[in-house]
Structure formats: C-alpha cells, structure tokens
Amino acid sequence: MAKIDRVKEFINYLKVLLIFLLATSVGLIAWLAQNYDSTSSKLLYLAAGALFAIFIFVVILNRKILKDIESLEEY
C-alpha cells in the first residue's frame, strides 16, 4: 500500500471518529435539555464535563484531520 493511500485511510478513520463524537455530543445535549429539572446536580455536572471533554477532543481531532489533509499535498 502506498503511503498516500495509508494517509487517506487514516483520514477516513479520523472522520468516522469525529462523526461518532459529534453524534454523541448531540445526544448528550438532548439528554441534558430533557432532564435538566429532574436529574441530580452531580449528574448534570458530570454530563456537562463530558460534553466539554468531547468538545476539546473534537477540536483536537479536527486540527489533526486538517494537518493530514495538508500533508497530502506533498505526495
């Protein structure tokens, strides 16, 4: 397998991971909106922390994808 094909497959893998994280964050936001009044504050803080961690990971992952796409220009 050529190196360019390997980089393309890695980018595709990262895109799938990014879509999974975005879908998870949308589901978590929907859960937070539905259960805001009926859930304990500890669970709400935990969910908000998880949402923040997912957001940070999405930003890092997006930068990695863009960096790998730019590296394709070398080939």
PDB file of N, CA and C in Angstrom:
ATOM      1  N   MET A   1       0.851  -1.167   0.000  1.00  0.00           N
ATOM      2  CA  MET A   1       0.000   0.000   0.000  1.00  0.00           C
ATOM      3  C   MET A   1       0.900   1.233   0.000  1.00  0.00           C
ATOM      4  N   ALA A   2       0.598   2.155  -0.885  1.00  0.00           N
ATOM      5  CA  ALA A   2       1.377   3.383  -0.971  1.00  0.00           C
ATOM      6  C   ALA A   2       1.111   4.262   0.245  1.00  0.00           C
ATOM      7  N   LYS A   3       2.067   5.122   0.517  1.00  0.00           N
ATOM      8  CA  LYS A   3       1.948   5.969   1.705  1.00  0.00           C
ATOM      9  C   LYS A   3       0.753   6.909   1.585  1.00  0.00           C
ATOM     10  N   ILE A   4       0.462   7.390   0.385  1.00  0.00           N
ATOM     11  CA  ILE A   4      -0.681   8.302   0.202  1.00  0.00           C
ATOM     12  C   ILE A   4      -1.994   7.584   0.521  1.00  0.00           C
ATOM     13  N   ASP A   5      -2.088   6.310   0.144  1.00  0.00           N
ATOM     14  CA  ASP A   5      -3.298   5.546   0.456  1.00  0.00           C
ATOM     15  C   ASP A   5      -3.443   5.328   1.956  1.00  0.00           C
ATOM     16  N   ARG A   6      -2.327   5.112   2.627  1.00  0.00           N
ATOM     17  CA  ARG A   6      -2.349   4.933   4.072  1.00  0.00           C
ATOM     18  C   ARG A   6      -2.819   6.209   4.768  1.00  0.00           C
ATOM     19  N   VAL A   7      -2.351   7.359   4.294  1.00  0.00           N
ATOM     20  CA  VAL A   7      -2.763   8.636   4.882  1.00  0.00           C
ATOM     21  C   VAL A   7      -4.243   8.882   4.622  1.00  0.00           C
ATOM     22  N   LYS A   8      -4.711   8.549   3.435  1.00  0.00           N
ATOM     23  CA  LYS A   8      -6.133   8.721   3.118  1.00  0.00           C
ATOM     24  C   LYS A   8      -7.008   7.836   4.010  1.00  0.00           C
ATOM     25  N   GLU A   9      -6.600   6.609   4.225  1.00  0.00           N
ATOM     26  CA  GLU A   9      -7.367   5.716   5.089  1.00  0.00           C
ATOM     27  C   GLU A   9      -7.366   6.200   6.532  1.00  0.00           C
ATOM     28  N   PHE A  10      -6.241   6.748   6.982  1.00  0.00           N
ATOM     29  CA  PHE A  10      -6.183   7.283   8.341  1.00  0.00           C
ATOM     30  C   PHE A  10      -7.102   8.498   8.477  1.00  0.00           C
ATOM     31  N   ILE A  11      -7.171   9.328   7.458  1.00  0.00           N
ATOM     32  CA  ILE A  11      -8.079  10.473   7.478  1.00  0.00           C
ATOM     33  C   ILE A  11      -9.525   9.987   7.524  1.00  0.00           C
ATOM     34  N   ASN A  12      -9.850   8.969   6.759  1.00  0.00           N
ATOM     35  CA  ASN A  12     -11.207   8.412   6.797  1.00  0.00           C
ATOM     36  C   ASN A  12     -11.546   7.858   8.180  1.00  0.00           C
ATOM     37  N   TYR A  13     -10.589   7.202   8.807  1.00  0.00           N
ATOM     38  CA  TYR A  13     -10.796   6.692  10.160  1.00  0.00           C
ATOM     39  C   TYR A  13     -11.061   7.842  11.135  1.00  0.00           C
ATOM     40  N   LEU A  14     -10.288   8.896  11.028  1.00  0.00           N
ATOM     41  CA  LEU A  14     -10.481  10.048  11.906  1.00  0.00           C
ATOM     42  C   LEU A  14     -11.826  10.721  11.656  1.00  0.00           C
ATOM     43  N   LYS A  15     -12.270  10.738  10.405  1.00  0.00           N
ATOM     44  CA  LYS A  15     -13.575  11.333  10.104  1.00  0.00           C
ATOM     45  C   LYS A  15     -14.706  10.527  10.737  1.00  0.00           C
ATOM     46  N   VAL A  16     -14.592   9.211  10.721  1.00  0.00           N
ATOM     47  CA  VAL A  16     -15.606   8.368  11.364  1.00  0.00           C
ATOM     48  C   VAL A  16     -15.628   8.622  12.863  1.00  0.00           C
ATOM     49  N   LEU A  17     -14.461   8.731  13.465  1.00  0.00           N
ATOM     50  CA  LEU A  17     -14.374   9.031  14.889  1.00  0.00           C
ATOM     51  C   LEU A  17     -14.967  10.400  15.194  1.00  0.00           C
ATOM     52  N   LEU A  18     -14.734  11.378  14.330  1.00  0.00           N
ATOM     53  CA  LEU A  18     -15.288  12.717  14.512  1.00  0.00           C
ATOM     54  C   LEU A  18     -16.809  12.696  14.431  1.00  0.00           C
ATOM     55  N   ILE A  19     -17.353  11.964  13.488  1.00  0.00           N
ATOM     56  CA  ILE A  19     -18.811  11.865  13.362  1.00  0.00           C
ATOM     57  C   ILE A  19     -19.409  11.190  14.593  1.00  0.00           C
ATOM     58  N   PHE A  20     -18.748  10.154  15.098  1.00  0.00           N
ATOM     59  CA  PHE A  20     -19.216   9.482  16.313  1.00  0.00           C
ATOM     60  C   PHE A  20     -19.232  10.441  17.500  1.00  0.00           C
ATOM     61  N   LEU A  21     -18.184  11.225  17.650  1.00  0.00           N
ATOM     62  CA  LEU A  21     -18.117  12.166  18.761  1.00  0.00           C
ATOM     63  C   LEU A  21     -19.175  13.259  18.635  1.00  0.00           C
ATOM     64  N   LEU A  22     -19.408  13.738  17.424  1.00  0.00           N
ATOM     65  CA  LEU A  22     -20.431  14.763  17.229  1.00  0.00           C
ATOM     66  C   LEU A  22     -21.828  14.212  17.510  1.00  0.00           C
ATOM     67  N   ALA A  23     -22.090  12.985  17.084  1.00  0.00           N
ATOM     68  CA  ALA A  23     -23.388  12.381  17.368  1.00  0.00           C
ATOM     69  C   ALA A  23     -23.573  12.159  18.870  1.00  0.00           C
ATOM     70  N   THR A  24     -22.510  11.761  19.548  1.00  0.00           N
ATOM     71  CA  THR A  24     -22.570  11.583  20.993  1.00  0.00           C
ATOM     72  C   THR A  24     -22.847  12.904  21.696  1.00  0.00           C
ATOM     73  N   SER A  25     -22.210  13.965  21.236  1.00  0.00           N
ATOM     74  CA  SER A  25     -22.433  15.261  21.870  1.00  0.00           C
ATOM     75  C   SER A  25     -23.850  15.773  21.625  1.00  0.00           C
ATOM     76  N   VAL A  26     -24.394  15.528  20.452  1.00  0.00           N
ATOM     77  CA  VAL A  26     -25.779  15.935  20.179  1.00  0.00           C
ATOM     78  C   VAL A  26     -26.739  15.168  21.087  1.00  0.00           C
ATOM     79  N   GLY A  27     -26.514  13.885  21.244  1.00  0.00           N
ATOM     80  CA  GLY A  27     -27.343  13.081  22.135  1.00  0.00           C
ATOM     81  C   GLY A  27     -27.234  13.529  23.580  1.00  0.00           C
ATOM     82  N   LEU A  28     -26.032  13.887  23.995  1.00  0.00           N
ATOM     83  CA  LEU A  28     -25.831  14.362  25.359  1.00  0.00           C
ATOM     84  C   LEU A  28     -26.502  15.712  25.591  1.00  0.00           C
ATOM     85  N   ILE A  29     -26.451  16.584  24.603  1.00  0.00           N
ATOM     86  CA  ILE A  29     -27.142  17.870  24.710  1.00  0.00           C
ATOM     87  C   ILE A  29     -28.649  17.652  24.801  1.00  0.00           C
ATOM     88  N   ALA A  30     -29.175  16.740  23.999  1.00  0.00           N
ATOM     89  CA  ALA A  30     -30.609  16.454  24.041  1.00  0.00           C
ATOM     90  C   ALA A  30     -31.004  15.869  25.398  1.00  0.00           C
ATOM     91  N   TRP A  31     -30.170  14.987  25.938  1.00  0.00           N
ATOM     92  CA  TRP A  31     -30.466  14.424  27.252  1.00  0.00           C
ATOM     93  C   TRP A  31     -30.442  15.502  28.323  1.00  0.00           C
ATOM     94  N   LEU A  32     -29.467  16.390  28.249  1.00  0.00           N
ATOM     95  CA  LEU A  32     -29.387  17.482  29.218  1.00  0.00           C
ATOM     96  C   LEU A  32     -30.616  18.383  29.130  1.00  0.00           C
ATOM     97  N   ALA A  33     -31.071  18.661  27.921  1.00  0.00           N
ATOM     98  CA  ALA A  33     -32.240  19.525  27.756  1.00  0.00           C
ATOM     99  C   ALA A  33     -33.501  18.862  28.305  1.00  0.00           C
ATOM    100  N   GLN A  34     -33.640  17.564  28.131  1.00  0.00           N
ATOM    101  CA  GLN A  34     -34.838  16.865  28.604  1.00  0.00           C
ATOM    102  C   GLN A  34     -34.845  16.649  30.112  1.00  0.00           C
ATOM    103  N   ASN A  35     -33.691  16.411  30.693  1.00  0.00           N
ATOM    104  CA  ASN A  35     -33.627  16.013  32.095  1.00  0.00           C
ATOM    105  C   ASN A  35     -33.041  17.091  32.998  1.00  0.00           C
ATOM    106  N   TYR A  36     -33.083  18.325  32.585  1.00  0.00           N
ATOM    107  CA  TYR A  36     -32.479  19.395  33.364  1.00  0.00           C
ATOM    108  C   TYR A  36     -33.137  19.549  34.737  1.00  0.00           C
ATOM    109  N   ASP A  37     -34.447  19.443  34.785  1.00  0.00           N
ATOM    110  CA  ASP A  37     -35.161  19.655  36.048  1.00  0.00           C
ATOM    111  C   ASP A  37     -35.195  18.423  36.947  1.00  0.00           C
ATOM    112  N   SER A  38     -35.171  17.239  36.360  1.00  0.00           N
ATOM    113  CA  SER A  38     -35.421  16.031  37.149  1.00  0.00           C
ATOM    114  C   SER A  38     -34.163  15.272  37.564  1.00  0.00           C
ATOM    115  N   THR A  39     -32.990  15.731  37.180  1.00  0.00           N
ATOM    116  CA  THR A  39     -31.763  14.992  37.463  1.00  0.00           C
ATOM    117  C   THR A  39     -30.975  15.690  38.560  1.00  0.00           C
ATOM    118  N   SER A  40     -30.214  14.915  39.312  1.00  0.00           N
ATOM    119  CA  SER A  40     -29.411  15.496  40.383  1.00  0.00           C
ATOM    120  C   SER A  40     -28.318  16.394  39.805  1.00  0.00           C
ATOM    121  N   SER A  41     -27.863  17.309  40.610  1.00  0.00           N
ATOM    122  CA  SER A  41     -26.873  18.276  40.134  1.00  0.00           C
ATOM    123  C   SER A  41     -25.532  17.602  39.844  1.00  0.00           C
ATOM    124  N   LYS A  42     -25.195  16.545  40.575  1.00  0.00           N
ATOM    125  CA  LYS A  42     -23.934  15.847  40.319  1.00  0.00           C
ATOM    126  C   LYS A  42     -23.915  15.240  38.921  1.00  0.00           C
ATOM    127  N   LEU A  43     -25.031  14.646  38.542  1.00  0.00           N
ATOM    128  CA  LEU A  43     -25.123  14.031  37.217  1.00  0.00           C
ATOM    129  C   LEU A  43     -25.102  15.088  36.123  1.00  0.00           C
ATOM    130  N   LEU A  44     -25.726  16.219  36.373  1.00  0.00           N
ATOM    131  CA  LEU A  44     -25.694  17.309  35.394  1.00  0.00           C
ATOM    132  C   LEU A  44     -24.276  17.850  35.211  1.00  0.00           C
ATOM    133  N   TYR A  45     -23.543  17.999  36.310  1.00  0.00           N
ATOM    134  CA  TYR A  45     -22.159  18.463  36.212  1.00  0.00           C
ATOM    135  C   TYR A  45     -21.283  17.442  35.500  1.00  0.00           C
ATOM    136  N   LEU A  46     -21.540  16.178  35.750  1.00  0.00           N
ATOM    137  CA  LEU A  46     -20.795  15.125  35.068  1.00  0.00           C
ATOM    138  C   LEU A  46     -21.069  15.149  33.565  1.00  0.00           C
ATOM    139  N   ALA A  47     -22.322  15.313  33.189  1.00  0.00           N
ATOM    140  CA  ALA A  47     -22.683  15.373  31.777  1.00  0.00           C
ATOM    141  C   ALA A  47     -22.096  16.620  31.117  1.00  0.00           C
ATOM    142  N   ALA A  48     -22.121  17.742  31.822  1.00  0.00           N
ATOM    143  CA  ALA A  48     -21.541  18.967  31.264  1.00  0.00           C
ATOM    144  C   ALA A  48     -20.029  18.826  31.115  1.00  0.00           C
ATOM    145  N   GLY A  49     -19.386  18.170  32.060  1.00  0.00           N
ATOM    146  CA  GLY A  49     -17.948  17.924  31.945  1.00  0.00           C
ATOM    147  C   GLY A  49     -17.614  17.002  30.793  1.00  0.00           C
ATOM    148  N   ALA A  50     -18.436  15.977  30.613  1.00  0.00           N
ATOM    149  CA  ALA A  50     -18.228  15.069  29.482  1.00  0.00           C
ATOM    150  C   ALA A  50     -18.422  15.794  28.161  1.00  0.00           C
ATOM    151  N   LEU A  51     -19.406  16.667  28.111  1.00  0.00           N
ATOM    152  CA  LEU A  51     -19.645  17.445  26.897  1.00  0.00           C
ATOM    153  C   LEU A  51     -18.466  18.360  26.601  1.00  0.00           C
ATOM    154  N   PHE A  52     -17.912  18.970  27.625  1.00  0.00           N
ATOM    155  CA  PHE A  52     -16.744  19.826  27.446  1.00  0.00           C
ATOM    156  C   PHE A  52     -15.538  19.018  26.965  1.00  0.00           C
ATOM    157  N   ALA A  53     -15.330  17.838  27.538  1.00  0.00           N
ATOM    158  CA  ALA A  53     -14.219  16.977  27.122  1.00  0.00           C
ATOM    159  C   ALA A  53     -14.382  16.533  25.668  1.00  0.00           C
ATOM    160  N   ILE A  54     -15.605  16.203  25.281  1.00  0.00           N
ATOM    161  CA  ILE A  54     -15.866  15.823  23.892  1.00  0.00           C
ATOM    162  C   ILE A  54     -15.573  16.990  22.969  1.00  0.00           C
ATOM    163  N   PHE A  55     -15.965  18.201  23.380  1.00  0.00           N
ATOM    164  CA  PHE A  55     -15.713  19.386  22.565  1.00  0.00           C
ATOM    165  C   PHE A  55     -14.211  19.599  22.358  1.00  0.00           C
ATOM    166  N   ILE A  56     -13.430  19.464  23.416  1.00  0.00           N
ATOM    167  CA  ILE A  56     -11.976  19.632  23.302  1.00  0.00           C
ATOM    168  C   ILE A  56     -11.394  18.571  22.372  1.00  0.00           C
ATOM    169  N   PHE A  57     -11.855  17.338  22.515  1.00  0.00           N
ATOM    170  CA  PHE A  57     -11.355  16.260  21.668  1.00  0.00           C
ATOM    171  C   PHE A  57     -11.735  16.471  20.210  1.00  0.00           C
ATOM    172  N   VAL A  58     -12.936  17.014  19.954  1.00  0.00           N
ATOM    173  CA  VAL A  58     -13.365  17.297  18.578  1.00  0.00           C
ATOM    174  C   VAL A  58     -12.472  18.364  17.960  1.00  0.00           C
ATOM    175  N   VAL A  59     -12.137  19.379  18.718  1.00  0.00           N
ATOM    176  CA  VAL A  59     -11.259  20.431  18.200  1.00  0.00           C
ATOM    177  C   VAL A  59      -9.876  19.871  17.872  1.00  0.00           C
ATOM    178  N   ILE A  60      -9.331  19.067  18.767  1.00  0.00           N
ATOM    179  CA  ILE A  60      -8.018  18.466  18.527  1.00  0.00           C
ATOM    180  C   ILE A  60      -8.060  17.536  17.313  1.00  0.00           C
ATOM    181  N   LEU A  61      -9.111  16.745  17.225  1.00  0.00           N
ATOM    182  CA  LEU A  61      -9.257  15.814  16.104  1.00  0.00           C
ATOM    183  C   LEU A  61      -9.410  16.550  14.779  1.00  0.00           C
ATOM    184  N   ASN A  62     -10.149  17.641  14.791  1.00  0.00           N
ATOM    185  CA  ASN A  62     -10.327  18.427  13.578  1.00  0.00           C
ATOM    186  C   ASN A  62      -8.996  19.017  13.114  1.00  0.00           C
ATOM    187  N   ARG A  63      -8.198  19.510  14.035  1.00  0.00           N
ATOM    188  CA  ARG A  63      -6.879  20.040  13.665  1.00  0.00           C
ATOM    189  C   ARG A  63      -5.990  18.950  13.081  1.00  0.00           C
ATOM    190  N   LYS A  64      -6.059  17.740  13.650  1.00  0.00           N
ATOM    191  CA  LYS A  64      -5.269  16.623  13.133  1.00  0.00           C
ATOM    192  C   LYS A  64      -5.699  16.260  11.716  1.00  0.00           C
ATOM    193  N   ILE A  65      -6.997  16.248  11.461  1.00  0.00           N
ATOM    194  CA  ILE A  65      -7.502  15.931  10.124  1.00  0.00           C
ATOM    195  C   ILE A  65      -7.026  16.975   9.121  1.00  0.00           C
ATOM    196  N   LEU A  66      -7.129  18.246   9.482  1.00  0.00           N
ATOM    197  CA  LEU A  66      -6.692  19.306   8.572  1.00  0.00           C
ATOM    198  C   LEU A  66      -5.193  19.236   8.312  1.00  0.00           C
ATOM    199  N   LYS A  67      -4.419  18.911   9.322  1.00  0.00           N
ATOM    200  CA  LYS A  67      -2.969  18.772   9.157  1.00  0.00           C
ATOM    201  C   LYS A  67      -2.649  17.618   8.214  1.00  0.00           C
ATOM    202  N   ASP A  68      -3.359  16.503   8.358  1.00  0.00           N
ATOM    203  CA  ASP A  68      -3.127  15.357   7.476  1.00  0.00           C
ATOM    204  C   ASP A  68      -3.561  15.651   6.049  1.00  0.00           C
ATOM    205  N   ILE A  69      -4.621  16.402   5.875  1.00  0.00           N
ATOM    206  CA  ILE A  69      -5.060  16.773   4.523  1.00  0.00           C
ATOM    207  C   ILE A  69      -4.014  17.663   3.868  1.00  0.00           C
ATOM    208  N   GLU A  70      -3.447  18.585   4.627  1.00  0.00           N
ATOM    209  CA  GLU A  70      -2.389  19.436   4.070  1.00  0.00           C
ATOM    210  C   GLU A  70      -1.150  18.633   3.727  1.00  0.00           C
ATOM    211  N   SER A  71      -0.887  17.577   4.487  1.00  0.00           N
ATOM    212  CA  SER A  71       0.293  16.757   4.192  1.00  0.00           C
ATOM    213  C   SER A  71       0.112  15.951   2.905  1.00  0.00           C
ATOM    214  N   LEU A  72      -1.114  15.778   2.453  1.00  0.00           N
ATOM    215  CA  LEU A  72      -1.344  15.061   1.200  1.00  0.00           C
ATOM    216  C   LEU A  72      -0.801  15.829  -0.004  1.00  0.00           C
ATOM    217  N   GLU A  73      -0.669  17.136   0.121  1.00  0.00           N
ATOM    218  CA  GLU A  73      -0.167  17.937  -0.989  1.00  0.00           C
ATOM    219  C   GLU A  73       1.280  17.608  -1.312  1.00  0.00           C
ATOM    220  N   GLU A  74       2.001  17.036  -0.356  1.00  0.00           N
ATOM    221  CA  GLU A  74       3.399  16.683  -0.581  1.00  0.00           C
ATOM    222  C   GLU A  74       3.564  15.500  -1.528  1.00  0.00           C
ATOM    223  N   TYR A  75       2.525  14.674  -1.654  1.00  0.00           N
ATOM    224  CA  TYR A  75       2.628  13.460  -2.455  1.00  0.00           C
ATOM    225  C   TYR A  75       2.231  13.708  -3.850  1.00  0.00           C
TER     226      TYR A  75
END
